[in-house]
Amino acid sequence: MLALDTLNTIAAQAGAAAGGENALMGMLPIILMFVILYFLMIRPQMKRQKEQRNMVAALAKGDEVITSGGLLGKITKVSDSYITLEISSIADKPVETVLQRTAVTSVLPKGTIKAL
């Protein structure tokens, strides 16, 4: 019993002396969680956004693209924020639609539309 009381007294004194260090140790898991969150979720998402931004900026006439709506076509005209996409041709007249540049999800290799 006496040894148990002594151990409790020593632990209480050590806790009182290291109060500032104990608070830092309590915050360490939260800080560690934010660091892990940054490297596993935030950083890869920022990288994908940068790649998408560069792809949209590099769009040019003649590129074959897929849009977010699922349209597959060839770019015929490019402006600052819009593109004109040729999606088909009826009686030798092209069927074109105007889309925002950000609607493009991927650029296809040349000749993909003819291969379909």
C-alpha atoms as a PDB file:
ATOM      1  CA  MET A   1       0.000   0.000   0.000  1.00  0.00           C
ATOM      2  CA  LEU A   2       2.804   2.372   0.898  1.00  0.00           C
ATOM      3  CA  ALA A   3       4.593   1.629  -2.392  1.00  0.00           C
ATOM      4  CA  LEU A   4       1.389   2.325  -4.317  1.00  0.00           C
ATOM      5  CA  ASP A   5       0.921   5.695  -2.615  1.00  0.00           C
ATOM      6  CA  THR A   6       4.524   6.576  -3.352  1.00  0.00           C
ATOM      7  CA  LEU A   7       4.132   5.720  -7.028  1.00  0.00           C
ATOM      8  CA  ASN A   8       0.964   7.837  -7.273  1.00  0.00           C
ATOM      9  CA  THR A   9       2.753  10.777  -5.637  1.00  0.00           C
ATOM     10  CA  ILE A  10       5.724  10.483  -8.008  1.00  0.00           C
ATOM     11  CA  ALA A  11       3.428  10.298 -11.047  1.00  0.00           C
ATOM     12  CA  ALA A  12       1.450  13.353  -9.863  1.00  0.00           C
ATOM     13  CA  GLN A  13       4.627  15.376  -9.331  1.00  0.00           C
ATOM     14  CA  ALA A  14       6.002  14.378 -12.733  1.00  0.00           C
ATOM     15  CA  GLY A  15       2.713  15.358 -14.402  1.00  0.00           C
ATOM     16  CA  ALA A  16       2.667  18.763 -12.735  1.00  0.00           C
ATOM     17  CA  ALA A  17       6.283  19.486 -13.694  1.00  0.00           C
ATOM     18  CA  ALA A  18       5.800  18.500 -17.353  1.00  0.00           C
ATOM     19  CA  GLY A  19       2.426  20.173 -17.985  1.00  0.00           C
ATOM     20  CA  GLY A  20       3.600  22.125 -21.072  1.00  0.00           C
ATOM     21  CA  GLU A  21       5.199  19.066 -22.614  1.00  0.00           C
ATOM     22  CA  ASN A  22       2.052  17.045 -21.950  1.00  0.00           C
ATOM     23  CA  ALA A  23      -0.069  19.572 -23.851  1.00  0.00           C
ATOM     24  CA  LEU A  24       2.284  19.322 -26.832  1.00  0.00           C
ATOM     25  CA  MET A  25       2.099  15.545 -26.732  1.00  0.00           C
ATOM     26  CA  GLY A  26      -1.702  15.815 -26.696  1.00  0.00           C
ATOM     27  CA  MET A  27      -1.659  17.948 -29.860  1.00  0.00           C
ATOM     28  CA  LEU A  28       0.867  15.740 -31.675  1.00  0.00           C
ATOM     29  CA  PRO A  29      -1.686  13.206 -33.028  1.00  0.00           C
ATOM     30  CA  ILE A  30      -3.857  15.989 -34.457  1.00  0.00           C
ATOM     31  CA  ILE A  31      -0.873  17.664 -36.125  1.00  0.00           C
ATOM     32  CA  LEU A  32       0.285  14.303 -37.476  1.00  0.00           C
ATOM     33  CA  MET A  33      -3.211  13.633 -38.831  1.00  0.00           C
ATOM     34  CA  PHE A  34      -3.223  16.952 -40.751  1.00  0.00           C
ATOM     35  CA  VAL A  35       0.215  16.211 -42.227  1.00  0.00           C
ATOM     36  CA  ILE A  36      -0.951  12.786 -43.410  1.00  0.00           C
ATOM     37  CA  LEU A  37      -4.180  14.318 -44.769  1.00  0.00           C
ATOM     38  CA  TYR A  38      -2.157  16.849 -46.746  1.00  0.00           C
ATOM     39  CA  PHE A  39       0.082  14.255 -48.397  1.00  0.00           C
ATOM     40  CA  LEU A  40      -2.639  11.670 -49.068  1.00  0.00           C
ATOM     41  CA  MET A  41      -5.540  13.887 -50.191  1.00  0.00           C
ATOM     42  CA  ILE A  42      -4.815  17.575 -50.688  1.00  0.00           C
ATOM     43  CA  ARG A  43      -1.506  17.400 -52.575  1.00  0.00           C
ATOM     44  CA  PRO A  44      -2.623  14.788 -55.166  1.00  0.00           C
ATOM     45  CA  GLN A  45      -5.839  16.748 -55.803  1.00  0.00           C
ATOM     46  CA  MET A  46      -3.845  19.934 -56.400  1.00  0.00           C
ATOM     47  CA  LYS A  47      -1.629  18.020 -58.843  1.00  0.00           C
ATOM     48  CA  ARG A  48      -4.680  16.742 -60.787  1.00  0.00           C
ATOM     49  CA  GLN A  49      -6.128  20.266 -60.933  1.00  0.00           C
ATOM     50  CA  LYS A  50      -2.846  21.606 -62.300  1.00  0.00           C
ATOM     51  CA  GLU A  51      -2.727  18.893 -64.999  1.00  0.00           C
ATOM     52  CA  GLN A  52      -6.361  19.644 -65.990  1.00  0.00           C
ATOM     53  CA  ARG A  53      -5.648  23.387 -66.150  1.00  0.00           C
ATOM     54  CA  ASN A  54      -2.587  22.795 -68.379  1.00  0.00           C
ATOM     55  CA  MET A  55      -4.550  20.442 -70.666  1.00  0.00           C
ATOM     56  CA  VAL A  56      -7.388  22.964 -71.102  1.00  0.00           C
ATOM     57  CA  ALA A  57      -4.904  25.760 -71.795  1.00  0.00           C
ATOM     58  CA  ALA A  58      -3.163  23.656 -74.482  1.00  0.00           C
ATOM     59  CA  LEU A  59      -6.327  22.870 -76.494  1.00  0.00           C
ATOM     60  CA  ALA A  60      -5.884  23.596 -80.190  1.00  0.00           C
ATOM     61  CA  LYS A  61      -7.790  23.295 -83.438  1.00  0.00           C
ATOM     62  CA  GLY A  62      -7.803  19.697 -84.683  1.00  0.00           C
ATOM     63  CA  ASP A  63      -7.528  18.045 -81.257  1.00  0.00           C
ATOM     64  CA  GLU A  64      -9.858  15.121 -80.659  1.00  0.00           C
ATOM     65  CA  VAL A  65     -11.460  15.319 -77.217  1.00  0.00           C
ATOM     66  CA  ILE A  66     -14.007  13.796 -74.862  1.00  0.00           C
ATOM     67  CA  THR A  67     -16.225  16.191 -72.895  1.00  0.00           C
ATOM     68  CA  SER A  68     -17.717  15.816 -69.439  1.00  0.00           C
ATOM     69  CA  GLY A  69     -21.082  15.140 -71.075  1.00  0.00           C
ATOM     70  CA  GLY A  70     -19.645  12.205 -73.018  1.00  0.00           C
ATOM     71  CA  LEU A  71     -19.423  13.889 -76.423  1.00  0.00           C
ATOM     72  CA  LEU A  72     -16.569  12.757 -78.643  1.00  0.00           C
ATOM     73  CA  GLY A  73     -15.471  15.194 -81.303  1.00  0.00           C
ATOM     74  CA  LYS A  74     -12.855  17.264 -83.057  1.00  0.00           C
ATOM     75  CA  ILE A  75     -12.150  20.900 -82.151  1.00  0.00           C
ATOM     76  CA  THR A  76     -12.798  23.227 -85.077  1.00  0.00           C
ATOM     77  CA  LYS A  77     -12.546  26.627 -83.397  1.00  0.00           C
ATOM     78  CA  VAL A  78     -10.943  27.807 -80.152  1.00  0.00           C
ATOM     79  CA  SER A  79     -11.613  31.064 -78.298  1.00  0.00           C
ATOM     80  CA  ASP A  80     -10.659  32.297 -74.832  1.00  0.00           C
ATOM     81  CA  SER A  81     -13.327  30.402 -72.915  1.00  0.00           C
ATOM     82  CA  TYR A  82     -15.238  28.414 -75.562  1.00  0.00           C
ATOM     83  CA  ILE A  83     -14.490  25.765 -78.164  1.00  0.00           C
ATOM     84  CA  THR A  84     -16.502  24.628 -81.163  1.00  0.00           C
ATOM     85  CA  LEU A  85     -16.653  20.855 -81.387  1.00  0.00           C
ATOM     86  CA  GLU A  86     -17.513  18.943 -84.563  1.00  0.00           C
ATOM     87  CA  ILE A  87     -19.391  15.860 -83.390  1.00  0.00           C
ATOM     88  CA  SER A  88     -20.735  14.504 -86.693  1.00  0.00           C
ATOM     89  CA  SER A  89     -21.505  15.349 -90.297  1.00  0.00           C
ATOM     90  CA  ILE A  90     -24.817  15.072 -92.106  1.00  0.00           C
ATOM     91  CA  ALA A  91     -24.890  15.401 -95.913  1.00  0.00           C
ATOM     92  CA  ASP A  92     -21.334  16.756 -95.933  1.00  0.00           C
ATOM     93  CA  LYS A  93     -22.254  19.460 -93.429  1.00  0.00           C
ATOM     94  CA  PRO A  94     -20.585  19.308 -90.020  1.00  0.00           C
ATOM     95  CA  VAL A  95     -22.718  19.153 -86.880  1.00  0.00           C
ATOM     96  CA  GLU A  96     -21.031  21.496 -84.436  1.00  0.00           C
ATOM     97  CA  THR A  97     -21.687  22.503 -80.870  1.00  0.00           C
ATOM     98  CA  VAL A  98     -20.188  25.244 -78.716  1.00  0.00           C
ATOM     99  CA  LEU A  99     -18.835  24.196 -75.316  1.00  0.00           C
ATOM    100  CA  GLN A 100     -16.845  25.735 -72.510  1.00  0.00           C
ATOM    101  CA  ARG A 101     -13.179  24.803 -72.543  1.00  0.00           C
ATOM    102  CA  THR A 102     -13.451  23.423 -69.015  1.00  0.00           C
ATOM    103  CA  ALA A 103     -15.970  20.809 -70.226  1.00  0.00           C
ATOM    104  CA  VAL A 104     -13.125  18.876 -71.878  1.00  0.00           C
ATOM    105  CA  THR A 105     -12.076  15.924 -69.727  1.00  0.00           C
ATOM    106  CA  SER A 106      -9.418  14.327 -71.925  1.00  0.00           C
ATOM    107  CA  VAL A 107      -7.554  14.778 -75.183  1.00  0.00           C
ATOM    108  CA  LEU A 108      -7.421  11.706 -77.427  1.00  0.00           C
ATOM    109  CA  PRO A 109      -4.622  10.664 -79.782  1.00  0.00           C
ATOM    110  CA  LYS A 110      -5.024  11.800 -83.401  1.00  0.00           C
ATOM    111  CA  GLY A 111      -7.092   9.422 -85.519  1.00  0.00           C
ATOM    112  CA  THR A 112      -9.143   7.966 -82.669  1.00  0.00           C
ATOM    113  CA  ILE A 113     -12.454   9.133 -84.105  1.00  0.00           C
ATOM    114  CA  LYS A 114     -11.727   7.570 -87.509  1.00  0.00           C
ATOM    115  CA  ALA A 115     -10.806   4.287 -85.815  1.00  0.00           C
ATOM    116  CA  LEU A 116     -14.259   4.119 -84.223  1.00  0.00           C
END
